[in-house]
């Protein structure tokens, strides 16, 4: 367990100084000012009482501060995970707030256990299999779903929860005549104010400003009496210890969503952490990040929280405000705890329209139009993957959407590698280098010898392609072929089927009086070929260091 109990913060504090403390103190205060209204807003997005957002922002933030390897990552409730929680819990709990909170806590426990277990098993590398186009398509669609899910709070009309935008829009249109003007005015003013302040003064505490302004307006003008929805009574004090309710039936139903949240949450967190680590010139440990997030969620599950992860906007603010170590996170957690102890009466008149406006502006930046334009220019198959994931998420829902994206990404990998790039090689003039004839037309070939390079792994899906390609080259040659040289430097791996295919190719060519030569074979690939019986078809001295070595030996054999 020593691996799981690493506390990187303590190592950072060994060389701590006064300047670093000033940076962490200022950053922690600034991030807390942003986190309090955001945490309440995201809890509302998840379908929970806003106060649970503060519960989820306190202890988990402190736990990550001790265990995380990122110096600036701000952990807490985020929009994407909140939407996933709503999708998982709402169908099970219905309108029962107590049951809803219990299932959210159970989900947090599951997510924490999964992430910590993955970290202990060193499975941090799995996030690499979530390709960037899939992530971009998923987050763009989820941003739209998140935004439209707030229409009921922005328009002040009852709209049933749905993951389908067209359903939400139809309900909103049907109730257009019932729109609450005061509520809509507050929401629009919130969004416009946040956008203006973000552009004019990014470090200005704009979230606190709109929350304070909206709350004062509702209180001073008595807008609650005219129908503006308010947060209402918020219990004062820190969350009490409570064992999550272990309902086996609910546990089974929540596992798929817990897996999705564990992966998506870690994906978002590690992407943000790595981005700022790169800027700061240090490294983050993916496995330790999993363990830290896992423990943050496990701890929060016993104190009435719901799943958390690292968020981009708060992390950016934390970094800009001067965070140096995880101590900034401890400051943030302390300020949130003080808010729970002393400031909750001030939340009574806070309009839900302000919280909805905060969510709307937070998700605007998730719609990745720039990535779509970039993929159109450089990799259109990836754009198709992004578009497929986007459409699937919008039409099928969050969990199925990312599942379709990952499945399509893996399928495309198999399809694209089923026909790897093959280059026929020729010798560059006055050199011992052999290059692709299509790109170097002045390169020369040796009569009766075909040299080719395979750019990709050899596995079950492309064994027939290898055999057909070599056979085609031999058949189309205007010379009687006596040798085929395969430059294998770009073959990074080979499975049992691939190794068998190379052996069969060597035997097939040998039966026709053609020698098979292999050059630049990587060690692990050669080991697999030897185990597959390559020497039954290709003599050991036909496996050489370069194409030129093979050509020289073939020439010696002809003399």
Protein backbone atom coordinates (compact mmCIF):
# COMPACT_ATOMS: atom_id res chain seq x y z
CA UNK A 1 0.00 0.00 0.00
CA UNK A 2 2.98 2.32 0.21
CA UNK A 3 2.47 3.08 -3.45
CA UNK A 4 -1.07 4.32 -2.80
CA UNK A 5 -0.13 6.41 0.27
CA UNK A 6 2.41 8.64 -1.46
CA UNK A 7 2.00 12.27 -0.41
CA UNK A 8 3.83 14.42 -2.99
CA UNK A 9 2.82 17.63 -1.18
CA UNK A 10 5.08 16.79 1.76
CA UNK A 11 8.01 16.42 -0.62
CA UNK A 12 7.23 19.83 -2.15
CA UNK A 13 7.19 21.49 1.27
CA UNK A 14 10.81 20.49 1.98
CA UNK A 15 12.04 23.40 -0.11
CA UNK A 16 9.10 25.72 0.62
CA UNK A 17 9.68 29.46 1.14
CA UNK A 18 7.72 32.62 1.90
CA UNK A 19 7.26 33.61 -1.73
CA UNK A 20 5.80 30.22 -2.55
CA UNK A 21 3.38 30.57 0.36
CA UNK A 22 2.21 33.95 -0.90
CA UNK A 23 1.52 32.44 -4.30
CA UNK A 24 -0.35 29.47 -2.86
CA UNK A 25 -2.35 31.63 -0.45
CA UNK A 26 -3.45 34.07 -3.15
CA UNK A 27 -4.25 31.29 -5.61
CA UNK A 28 -6.16 29.26 -3.02
CA UNK A 29 -8.34 32.23 -2.07
CA UNK A 30 -9.00 33.16 -5.70
CA UNK A 31 -9.92 29.60 -6.68
CA UNK A 32 -12.22 29.26 -3.66
CA UNK A 33 -14.09 32.42 -4.65
CA UNK A 34 -14.69 30.79 -8.02
CA UNK A 35 -15.37 27.30 -6.66
CA UNK A 36 -18.14 28.21 -4.20
CA UNK A 37 -20.65 29.44 -6.79
CA UNK A 38 -19.45 26.94 -9.40
CA UNK A 39 -19.75 24.02 -7.01
CA UNK A 40 -23.32 24.96 -6.18
CA UNK A 41 -24.16 25.43 -9.85
CA UNK A 42 -22.71 22.07 -10.89
CA UNK A 43 -24.52 20.27 -8.08
CA UNK A 44 -27.73 21.76 -9.41
CA UNK A 45 -26.77 20.51 -12.88
CA UNK A 46 -26.35 17.03 -11.39
CA UNK A 47 -29.87 17.28 -9.99
CA UNK A 48 -28.65 17.65 -6.40
CA UNK A 49 -29.17 20.26 -3.72
CA UNK A 50 -26.63 23.07 -4.36
CA UNK A 51 -25.08 22.61 -0.90
CA UNK A 52 -23.83 19.15 -1.94
CA UNK A 53 -21.60 20.91 -4.46
CA UNK A 54 -19.83 22.58 -1.53
CA UNK A 55 -19.60 19.30 0.36
CA UNK A 56 -17.94 17.78 -2.72
CA UNK A 57 -15.59 20.75 -2.98
CA UNK A 58 -14.21 20.61 0.57
CA UNK A 59 -12.69 17.28 1.66
CA UNK A 60 -11.94 15.90 -1.85
CA UNK A 61 -10.00 19.06 -2.69
CA UNK A 62 -7.90 18.67 0.47
CA UNK A 63 -7.23 14.97 -0.17
CA UNK A 64 -6.07 15.63 -3.73
CA UNK A 65 -3.85 18.48 -2.51
CA UNK A 66 -1.85 15.95 -0.47
CA UNK A 67 -1.76 13.13 -3.00
CA UNK A 68 -1.76 14.73 -6.45
CA UNK A 69 1.36 15.24 -8.53
CA UNK A 70 0.02 18.33 -10.32
CA UNK A 71 0.98 21.55 -8.61
CA UNK A 72 -2.02 23.53 -9.86
CA UNK A 73 -4.87 21.11 -10.65
CA UNK A 74 -8.09 22.32 -8.99
CA UNK A 75 -10.30 19.36 -8.07
CA UNK A 76 -14.02 19.60 -7.41
CA UNK A 77 -17.39 19.39 -9.17
CA UNK A 78 -17.22 19.86 -12.96
CA UNK A 79 -19.92 20.22 -15.61
CA UNK A 80 -19.18 17.05 -17.56
CA UNK A 81 -19.18 14.73 -14.56
CA UNK A 82 -22.25 16.46 -13.13
CA UNK A 83 -24.16 15.72 -16.30
CA UNK A 84 -23.06 12.08 -16.18
CA UNK A 85 -24.21 11.86 -12.56
CA UNK A 86 -27.61 13.25 -13.51
CA UNK A 87 -27.94 10.75 -16.33
CA UNK A 88 -27.07 7.86 -14.02
CA UNK A 89 -29.02 8.78 -10.90
CA UNK A 90 -32.16 10.56 -12.13
CA UNK A 91 -33.79 7.46 -13.71
CA UNK A 92 -33.24 5.52 -10.49
CA UNK A 93 -34.14 8.11 -7.84
CA UNK A 94 -36.87 10.09 -9.58
CA UNK A 95 -37.92 13.14 -7.58
CA UNK A 96 -36.89 11.78 -4.16
CA UNK A 97 -34.06 14.14 -3.02
CA UNK A 98 -32.92 11.84 -0.21
CA UNK A 99 -32.65 8.81 -2.49
CA UNK A 100 -31.04 10.97 -5.17
CA UNK A 101 -28.28 12.13 -2.80
CA UNK A 102 -27.78 8.57 -1.53
CA UNK A 103 -27.30 7.19 -5.04
CA UNK A 104 -24.94 10.07 -5.92
CA UNK A 105 -22.84 9.20 -2.87
CA UNK A 106 -22.83 5.52 -3.82
CA UNK A 107 -21.75 6.49 -7.33
CA UNK A 108 -18.92 8.58 -5.86
CA UNK A 109 -17.80 5.56 -3.84
CA UNK A 110 -17.77 3.36 -6.95
CA UNK A 111 -15.87 5.94 -8.99
CA UNK A 112 -13.30 6.35 -6.22
CA UNK A 113 -12.80 2.61 -5.86
CA UNK A 114 -12.39 2.17 -9.62
CA UNK A 115 -9.91 5.03 -9.98
CA UNK A 116 -7.85 4.02 -6.95
CA UNK A 117 -7.81 0.40 -8.08
CA UNK A 118 -6.72 1.43 -11.57
CA UNK A 119 -3.97 3.55 -10.07
CA UNK A 120 -2.71 0.71 -7.92
CA UNK A 121 -2.74 -1.58 -10.96
CA UNK A 122 -0.82 1.08 -12.96
CA UNK A 123 -3.54 1.41 -15.59
CA UNK A 124 -3.00 5.12 -16.20
CA UNK A 125 -1.86 4.31 -19.72
CA UNK A 126 -5.43 3.31 -20.67
CA UNK A 127 -6.39 6.95 -21.13
CA UNK A 128 -4.18 6.97 -24.24
CA UNK A 129 -6.80 4.83 -25.96
CA UNK A 130 -9.27 7.71 -25.80
CA UNK A 131 -8.22 9.50 -28.98
CA UNK A 132 -8.36 13.29 -29.11
CA UNK A 133 -10.98 13.45 -31.91
CA UNK A 134 -13.27 11.22 -29.84
CA UNK A 135 -12.74 13.42 -26.79
CA UNK A 136 -13.39 16.58 -28.81
CA UNK A 137 -16.59 15.19 -30.33
CA UNK A 138 -17.82 13.93 -26.98
CA UNK A 139 -17.11 17.15 -25.06
CA UNK A 140 -18.62 19.34 -27.81
CA UNK A 141 -21.87 17.37 -27.78
CA UNK A 142 -21.91 17.16 -24.00
CA UNK A 143 -21.46 20.94 -23.83
CA UNK A 144 -24.62 21.41 -25.89
CA UNK A 145 -26.53 18.94 -23.72
CA UNK A 146 -25.29 20.68 -20.57
CA UNK A 147 -26.21 24.10 -21.92
CA UNK A 148 -29.71 23.12 -23.01
CA UNK A 149 -30.31 21.27 -19.74
CA UNK A 150 -30.29 24.68 -18.02
CA UNK A 151 -33.12 26.13 -20.12
CA UNK A 152 -35.66 25.38 -17.39
CA UNK A 153 -33.71 27.56 -14.93
CA UNK A 154 -33.04 30.26 -17.52
CA UNK A 155 -36.62 30.50 -18.83
CA UNK A 156 -38.29 29.78 -15.52
CA UNK A 157 -40.54 27.04 -16.93
CA UNK A 158 -40.79 23.35 -15.99
CA UNK A 159 -38.90 21.17 -18.50
CA UNK A 160 -38.43 17.46 -17.92
CA UNK A 161 -34.85 16.24 -17.75
CA UNK A 162 -33.56 14.73 -21.01
CA UNK A 163 -30.26 14.00 -22.74
CA UNK A 164 -31.85 14.77 -26.10
CA UNK A 165 -31.65 18.41 -27.20
CA UNK A 166 -34.64 18.22 -29.53
CA UNK A 167 -36.83 17.02 -26.66
CA UNK A 168 -35.75 19.92 -24.45
CA UNK A 169 -36.26 22.44 -27.26
CA UNK A 170 -39.75 21.14 -28.05
CA UNK A 171 -40.76 21.47 -24.40
CA UNK A 172 -39.33 24.99 -24.25
CA UNK A 173 -41.15 26.04 -27.44
CA UNK A 174 -44.45 24.60 -26.17
CA UNK A 175 -44.11 26.75 -23.03
CA UNK A 176 -42.85 29.92 -24.71
CA UNK A 177 -45.88 31.86 -23.52
CA UNK A 178 -45.09 30.93 -19.90
CA UNK A 179 -41.50 32.24 -19.87
CA UNK A 180 -40.77 34.09 -16.64
CA UNK A 181 -39.39 37.45 -17.77
CA UNK A 182 -37.60 38.33 -14.53
CA UNK A 183 -35.86 34.95 -14.44
CA UNK A 184 -34.80 35.24 -18.09
CA UNK A 185 -33.51 38.78 -17.48
CA UNK A 186 -31.35 37.62 -14.56
CA UNK A 187 -29.94 34.72 -16.60
CA UNK A 188 -29.12 36.86 -19.65
CA UNK A 189 -27.55 39.55 -17.47
CA UNK A 190 -25.44 36.87 -15.76
CA UNK A 191 -24.17 35.41 -19.03
CA UNK A 192 -23.39 38.81 -20.56
CA UNK A 193 -21.63 40.04 -17.42
CA UNK A 194 -19.48 36.92 -17.20
CA UNK A 195 -18.49 37.13 -20.87
CA UNK A 196 -17.62 40.83 -20.64
CA UNK A 197 -15.54 40.43 -17.48
CA UNK A 198 -13.80 37.36 -18.86
CA UNK A 199 -12.59 39.39 -21.84
CA UNK A 200 -11.93 42.68 -20.04
CA UNK A 201 -10.37 41.35 -16.81
CA UNK A 202 -9.87 37.55 -16.75
CA UNK A 203 -8.61 37.53 -13.16
CA UNK A 204 -11.53 39.57 -11.81
CA UNK A 205 -13.72 37.40 -9.49
CA UNK A 206 -16.60 37.53 -11.95
CA UNK A 207 -18.43 34.49 -10.55
CA UNK A 208 -18.56 36.00 -7.09
CA UNK A 209 -19.63 39.31 -8.65
CA UNK A 210 -22.66 37.89 -10.48
CA UNK A 211 -23.68 35.73 -7.51
CA UNK A 212 -23.52 38.70 -5.16
CA UNK A 213 -25.29 41.00 -7.66
CA UNK A 214 -28.04 38.49 -8.43
CA UNK A 215 -28.60 37.68 -4.77
CA UNK A 216 -28.83 41.37 -3.79
CA UNK A 217 -31.25 42.05 -6.66
CA UNK A 218 -33.57 39.21 -5.64
CA UNK A 219 -33.43 40.28 -1.98
CA UNK A 220 -33.78 43.99 -2.59
CA UNK A 221 -36.56 43.79 -5.18
CA UNK A 222 -38.30 40.83 -3.49
CA UNK A 223 -38.21 38.92 -6.78
CA UNK A 224 -38.79 35.64 -5.00
CA UNK A 225 -42.37 36.72 -4.38
CA UNK A 226 -42.88 37.21 -8.12
CA UNK A 227 -41.71 33.69 -8.96
CA UNK A 228 -37.92 33.86 -9.34
CA UNK A 229 -36.57 30.49 -8.15
CA UNK A 230 -34.07 30.79 -5.30
CA UNK A 231 -31.66 28.37 -3.65
CA UNK A 232 -33.58 28.70 -0.39
CA UNK A 233 -32.54 27.46 3.02
CA UNK A 234 -29.05 25.98 3.05
CA UNK A 235 -27.96 24.01 6.13
CA UNK A 236 -25.04 25.52 8.00
CA UNK A 237 -22.04 23.44 8.96
CA UNK A 238 -19.63 20.89 7.61
CA UNK A 239 -20.95 17.65 6.14
CA UNK A 240 -21.29 14.90 8.70
CA UNK A 241 -19.83 11.42 8.31
CA UNK A 242 -22.31 9.05 6.72
CA UNK A 243 -21.80 5.57 5.33
CA UNK A 244 -22.98 5.33 1.71
CA UNK A 245 -26.06 3.14 1.40
CA UNK A 246 -24.95 -0.14 -0.19
CA UNK A 247 -27.91 -1.27 -2.27
CA UNK A 248 -26.79 -4.23 -4.39
CA UNK A 249 -29.43 -3.63 -7.05
CA UNK A 250 -28.49 0.05 -7.30
CA UNK A 251 -24.82 -0.87 -7.21
CA UNK A 252 -25.22 -3.12 -10.22
CA UNK A 253 -27.19 -0.47 -12.10
CA UNK A 254 -24.60 2.24 -11.39
CA UNK A 255 -21.48 0.29 -12.42
CA UNK A 256 -21.61 1.24 -16.16
CA UNK A 257 -22.00 4.93 -15.27
CA UNK A 258 -19.25 4.67 -12.65
CA UNK A 259 -16.90 3.28 -15.31
CA UNK A 260 -17.79 6.12 -17.67
CA UNK A 261 -17.29 8.77 -14.98
CA UNK A 262 -14.03 7.19 -13.78
CA UNK A 263 -12.59 7.26 -17.30
CA UNK A 264 -14.05 10.57 -18.46
CA UNK A 265 -13.19 12.28 -15.18
CA UNK A 266 -9.62 11.01 -15.28
CA UNK A 267 -9.34 11.89 -18.96
CA UNK A 268 -10.36 15.50 -18.29
CA UNK A 269 -8.16 15.74 -15.22
CA UNK A 270 -4.98 14.26 -16.70
CA UNK A 271 -5.32 16.33 -19.88
CA UNK A 272 -5.51 19.53 -17.83
CA UNK A 273 -2.75 18.44 -15.43
CA UNK A 274 -0.36 17.53 -18.25
CA UNK A 275 -1.04 20.78 -20.07
CA UNK A 276 -0.07 22.92 -17.09
CA UNK A 277 2.79 20.60 -16.10
CA UNK A 278 4.25 21.10 -19.56
CA UNK A 279 4.04 24.86 -19.09
CA UNK A 280 5.59 24.60 -15.63
CA UNK A 281 8.41 22.28 -16.70
CA UNK A 282 7.59 19.30 -14.50
CA UNK A 283 6.01 15.86 -14.91
CA UNK A 284 2.78 14.37 -13.61
CA UNK A 285 2.46 10.68 -12.76
CA UNK A 286 -0.72 9.29 -14.39
CA UNK A 287 -0.95 6.37 -11.97
CA UNK A 288 -0.51 8.56 -8.91
CA UNK A 289 -3.12 10.94 -10.34
CA UNK A 290 -5.55 8.03 -10.53
CA UNK A 291 -4.80 7.13 -6.92
CA UNK A 292 -5.21 10.75 -5.80
CA UNK A 293 -8.53 11.21 -7.61
CA UNK A 294 -9.66 7.82 -6.34
CA UNK A 295 -8.94 8.73 -2.73
CA UNK A 296 -10.58 12.16 -3.20
CA UNK A 297 -13.77 10.46 -4.38
CA UNK A 298 -13.59 7.72 -1.75
CA UNK A 299 -13.20 10.29 1.01
CA UNK A 300 -15.99 12.49 -0.31
CA UNK A 301 -18.37 9.55 -0.56
CA UNK A 302 -18.41 9.31 3.26
CA UNK A 303 -19.21 13.02 3.63
CA UNK A 304 -22.28 13.49 1.43
CA UNK A 305 -20.47 14.38 -1.78
CA UNK A 306 -20.79 13.37 -5.42
CA UNK A 307 -18.09 12.51 -8.00
CA UNK A 308 -15.36 15.10 -8.59
CA UNK A 309 -12.37 15.54 -10.84
CA UNK A 310 -9.94 18.23 -12.00
CA UNK A 311 -11.51 21.09 -13.99
CA UNK A 312 -9.91 23.24 -16.69
CA UNK A 313 -11.32 26.69 -15.86
CA UNK A 314 -10.54 26.57 -12.13
CA UNK A 315 -7.10 25.10 -12.80
CA UNK A 316 -6.36 27.93 -15.21
CA UNK A 317 -7.41 30.46 -12.58
CA UNK A 318 -5.36 28.65 -9.93
CA UNK A 319 -2.26 28.72 -12.14
CA UNK A 320 -2.72 32.34 -13.19
CA UNK A 321 -3.20 33.38 -9.57
CA UNK A 322 0.26 32.02 -8.70
CA UNK A 323 -0.21 28.51 -7.27
CA UNK A 324 3.15 26.85 -6.62
CA UNK A 325 2.24 23.61 -4.80
CA UNK A 326 -0.77 21.62 -3.69
CA UNK A 327 -0.95 23.84 -0.60
CA UNK A 328 -3.10 26.16 -2.72
CA UNK A 329 -5.67 23.36 -2.79
CA UNK A 330 -5.62 23.15 1.01
CA UNK A 331 -6.28 26.89 1.20
CA UNK A 332 -9.19 26.47 -1.21
CA UNK A 333 -10.64 23.61 0.83
CA UNK A 334 -10.30 25.67 4.03
CA UNK A 335 -12.13 28.66 2.53
CA UNK A 336 -14.96 26.39 1.29
CA UNK A 337 -15.21 24.91 4.78
CA UNK A 338 -15.44 28.42 6.27
CA UNK A 339 -18.19 29.26 3.80
CA UNK A 340 -20.12 26.19 4.96
CA UNK A 341 -19.69 27.17 8.60
CA UNK A 342 -20.50 30.88 8.39
CA UNK A 343 -21.86 32.02 5.01
CA UNK A 344 -24.72 29.65 4.16
CA UNK A 345 -27.47 32.08 5.32
CA UNK A 346 -26.33 34.42 2.54
CA UNK A 347 -27.20 31.79 -0.08
CA UNK A 348 -30.96 31.88 0.65
CA UNK A 349 -31.80 34.56 -1.94
CA UNK A 350 -29.33 33.32 -4.54
CA UNK A 351 -31.31 32.92 -7.82
CA UNK A 352 -30.99 29.59 -9.62
CA UNK A 353 -30.92 31.56 -12.87
CA UNK A 354 -27.49 32.91 -11.88
CA UNK A 355 -26.17 29.41 -11.28
CA UNK A 356 -27.60 28.33 -14.65
CA UNK A 357 -25.87 31.30 -16.29
CA UNK A 358 -22.55 30.25 -14.71
CA UNK A 359 -22.99 26.75 -16.15
CA UNK A 360 -23.88 28.09 -19.60
CA UNK A 361 -20.76 30.27 -19.84
CA UNK A 362 -18.56 27.50 -18.44
CA UNK A 363 -19.58 25.06 -21.19
CA UNK A 364 -19.33 27.49 -24.11
CA UNK A 365 -15.59 26.82 -24.33
CA UNK A 366 -16.10 23.03 -24.55
CA UNK A 367 -17.52 23.28 -28.08
CA UNK A 368 -14.33 22.63 -30.03
CA UNK A 369 -14.88 24.25 -33.43
CA UNK A 370 -11.15 24.93 -33.78
CA UNK A 371 -10.35 21.22 -33.54
CA UNK A 372 -12.90 20.43 -36.25
CA UNK A 373 -11.27 22.98 -38.58
CA UNK A 374 -7.82 21.59 -37.80
CA UNK A 375 -8.88 18.00 -38.52
CA UNK A 376 -10.49 19.08 -41.81
CA UNK A 377 -7.07 20.29 -42.93
CA UNK A 378 -4.80 17.56 -41.61
CA UNK A 379 -6.74 14.33 -40.89
CA UNK A 380 -10.24 13.96 -42.31
CA UNK A 381 -10.72 10.38 -41.06
CA UNK A 382 -10.23 11.78 -37.55
CA UNK A 383 -12.83 14.46 -38.32
CA UNK A 384 -15.26 11.65 -39.21
CA UNK A 385 -14.55 10.05 -35.81
CA UNK A 386 -15.15 13.38 -34.09
CA UNK A 387 -18.39 13.90 -35.99
CA UNK A 388 -19.60 10.36 -35.31
CA UNK A 389 -18.94 10.71 -31.59
CA UNK A 390 -20.64 14.13 -31.59
CA UNK A 391 -23.79 12.82 -33.28
CA UNK A 392 -23.87 9.62 -31.21
CA UNK A 393 -23.61 11.58 -27.96
CA UNK A 394 -26.40 13.93 -28.99
CA UNK A 395 -28.73 11.18 -30.15
CA UNK A 396 -27.89 8.22 -27.93
CA UNK A 397 -26.84 9.93 -24.71
CA UNK A 398 -23.60 10.53 -22.84
CA UNK A 399 -22.51 7.00 -21.93
CA UNK A 400 -23.44 5.41 -25.27
CA UNK A 401 -21.98 8.37 -27.16
CA UNK A 402 -18.48 7.99 -25.80
CA UNK A 403 -18.80 4.20 -26.14
CA UNK A 404 -19.60 4.58 -29.84
CA UNK A 405 -16.66 6.96 -30.24
CA UNK A 406 -14.16 4.64 -28.56
CA UNK A 407 -15.50 1.63 -30.48
CA UNK A 408 -15.29 3.47 -33.80
CA UNK A 409 -11.77 4.65 -32.96
CA UNK A 410 -10.59 1.09 -32.27
CA UNK A 411 -12.35 -0.19 -35.41
CA UNK A 412 -10.65 2.49 -37.51
CA UNK A 413 -7.30 1.50 -36.01
CA UNK A 414 -7.85 -2.10 -37.13
CA UNK A 415 -9.10 -1.05 -40.59
CA UNK A 416 -6.28 1.42 -41.21
CA UNK A 417 -3.64 -1.08 -40.10
CA UNK A 418 -5.19 -3.90 -42.12
CA UNK A 419 -3.54 -2.27 -45.13
CA UNK A 420 -0.32 -0.67 -43.84
CA UNK A 421 1.70 1.59 -46.07
CA UNK A 422 4.17 -0.36 -48.20
CA UNK A 423 7.08 1.32 -49.99
CA UNK A 424 9.13 -0.31 -52.76
CA UNK A 425 12.73 0.76 -52.19
CA UNK A 426 15.54 1.83 -54.46
CA UNK A 427 19.13 2.84 -53.77
CA UNK A 428 19.96 6.56 -53.69
CA UNK A 429 22.82 7.49 -56.04
CA UNK A 430 26.31 7.36 -54.49
CA UNK A 431 25.05 6.06 -51.16
CA UNK A 432 24.07 2.93 -49.25
CA UNK A 433 20.61 4.33 -48.45
CA UNK A 434 17.40 2.83 -49.80
CA UNK A 435 14.27 4.97 -50.05
CA UNK A 436 10.70 4.91 -51.41
CA UNK A 437 10.80 4.95 -55.23
CA UNK A 438 7.61 7.03 -55.35
CA UNK A 439 9.31 9.84 -53.44
CA UNK A 440 12.82 9.41 -54.85
CA UNK A 441 12.44 8.68 -58.58
CA UNK A 442 16.22 8.90 -59.09
CA UNK A 443 16.74 5.88 -56.81
CA UNK A 444 17.80 2.71 -58.65
CA UNK A 445 16.70 -0.92 -58.31
CA UNK A 446 18.66 -4.14 -58.68
CA UNK A 447 17.41 -6.48 -61.40
CA UNK A 448 15.77 -9.58 -59.99
CA UNK A 449 15.54 -8.19 -56.44
CA UNK A 450 12.51 -6.53 -54.79
CA UNK A 451 13.14 -4.47 -51.66
CA UNK A 452 10.14 -3.19 -49.75
CA UNK A 453 9.40 -1.54 -46.42
CA UNK A 454 6.28 -2.24 -44.35
CA UNK A 455 5.16 0.70 -42.21
CA UNK A 456 3.04 -0.80 -39.48
CA UNK A 457 2.56 -3.74 -37.12
CA UNK A 458 1.95 -7.25 -38.43
CA UNK A 459 -1.11 -8.81 -36.84
CA UNK A 460 -4.08 -11.02 -37.64
CA UNK A 461 -5.91 -8.34 -39.65
CA UNK A 462 -3.19 -7.71 -42.24
CA UNK A 463 -1.51 -11.09 -42.79
CA UNK A 464 -3.37 -11.67 -46.07
CA UNK A 465 -2.43 -8.18 -47.21
CA UNK A 466 1.28 -8.92 -46.67
CA UNK A 467 1.14 -12.13 -48.71
CA UNK A 468 -0.94 -10.58 -51.50
CA UNK A 469 1.30 -7.51 -51.73
CA UNK A 470 4.52 -9.51 -52.08
CA UNK A 471 2.91 -11.93 -54.56
CA UNK A 472 1.64 -9.02 -56.63
CA UNK A 473 5.04 -7.35 -56.76
CA UNK A 474 6.68 -10.61 -57.85
CA UNK A 475 4.04 -11.24 -60.54
CA UNK A 476 4.17 -7.71 -61.96
CA UNK A 477 7.97 -7.54 -62.15
CA UNK A 478 9.43 -7.51 -65.65
CA UNK A 479 12.44 -9.46 -64.34
CA UNK A 480 12.74 -12.97 -62.99
CA UNK A 481 12.78 -12.37 -59.24
CA UNK A 482 15.38 -14.28 -57.22
CA UNK A 483 15.13 -12.44 -53.87
CA UNK A 484 12.72 -10.35 -51.83
CA UNK A 485 14.06 -8.10 -49.07
CA UNK A 486 11.64 -6.89 -46.38
CA UNK A 487 12.92 -3.84 -44.49
CA UNK A 488 11.26 -4.41 -41.08
CA UNK A 489 12.46 -1.39 -39.11
CA UNK A 490 8.96 0.15 -39.09
CA UNK A 491 7.30 -3.08 -37.92
CA UNK A 492 6.89 -2.27 -34.25
CA UNK A 493 5.14 -5.47 -33.21
CA UNK A 494 4.01 -8.85 -34.51
CA UNK A 495 1.43 -11.25 -33.10
CA UNK A 496 1.25 -15.02 -33.57
CA UNK A 497 -0.71 -14.67 -36.81
CA UNK A 498 1.77 -12.12 -38.14
CA UNK A 499 4.75 -14.32 -37.29
CA UNK A 500 3.09 -17.31 -38.96
CA UNK A 501 2.40 -15.21 -42.05
CA UNK A 502 6.10 -14.27 -42.38
CA UNK A 503 7.12 -17.92 -42.01
CA UNK A 504 4.53 -18.98 -44.62
CA UNK A 505 5.70 -16.22 -46.94
CA UNK A 506 9.29 -17.41 -46.66
CA UNK A 507 8.25 -21.00 -47.35
CA UNK A 508 6.05 -19.98 -50.31
CA UNK A 509 8.83 -17.93 -51.92
CA UNK A 510 11.38 -20.68 -51.25
CA UNK A 511 9.20 -23.19 -53.11
CA UNK A 512 9.39 -20.89 -56.15
CA UNK A 513 13.17 -20.51 -55.92
CA UNK A 514 13.00 -17.03 -54.35
CA UNK A 515 14.96 -16.12 -51.22
CA UNK A 516 13.35 -14.05 -48.44
CA UNK A 517 15.66 -11.62 -46.63
CA UNK A 518 14.76 -9.57 -43.55
CA UNK A 519 16.59 -6.42 -42.56
CA UNK A 520 16.54 -4.03 -39.58
CA UNK A 521 14.35 -6.35 -37.55
CA UNK A 522 13.63 -5.06 -34.06
CA UNK A 523 14.60 -7.29 -31.14
CA UNK A 524 11.09 -8.07 -29.83
CA UNK A 525 9.85 -8.69 -33.38
CA UNK A 526 12.77 -11.04 -34.09
CA UNK A 527 12.08 -12.92 -30.85
CA UNK A 528 8.47 -13.46 -31.91
CA UNK A 529 9.55 -14.61 -35.38
CA UNK A 530 12.07 -17.08 -33.96
CA UNK A 531 9.45 -18.53 -31.65
CA UNK A 532 7.15 -18.76 -34.67
CA UNK A 533 9.71 -20.88 -36.54
CA UNK A 534 11.18 -18.32 -38.94
CA UNK A 535 14.41 -20.28 -39.38
CA UNK A 536 12.46 -23.11 -40.98
CA UNK A 537 11.87 -20.82 -43.95
CA UNK A 538 14.53 -18.10 -43.67
CA UNK A 539 18.17 -18.98 -42.84
CA UNK A 540 19.73 -17.07 -39.95
CA UNK A 541 22.23 -15.40 -42.28
CA UNK A 542 19.31 -13.95 -44.30
CA UNK A 543 18.35 -11.73 -41.35
CA UNK A 544 20.69 -8.75 -41.68
CA UNK A 545 21.27 -5.26 -40.36
CA UNK A 546 20.30 -3.26 -43.46
CA UNK A 547 18.91 -3.51 -46.98
CA UNK A 548 22.37 -2.71 -48.32
CA UNK A 549 23.88 -5.66 -46.41
CA UNK A 550 21.28 -7.94 -47.98
CA UNK A 551 22.04 -6.55 -51.45
CA UNK A 552 25.77 -7.13 -51.00
CA UNK A 553 25.25 -10.75 -49.92
CA UNK A 554 22.80 -11.39 -52.74
CA UNK A 555 25.41 -9.98 -55.15
CA UNK A 556 28.10 -12.22 -53.68
CA UNK A 557 25.86 -15.23 -54.18
CA UNK A 558 25.44 -14.42 -57.87
CA UNK A 559 29.18 -14.19 -58.52
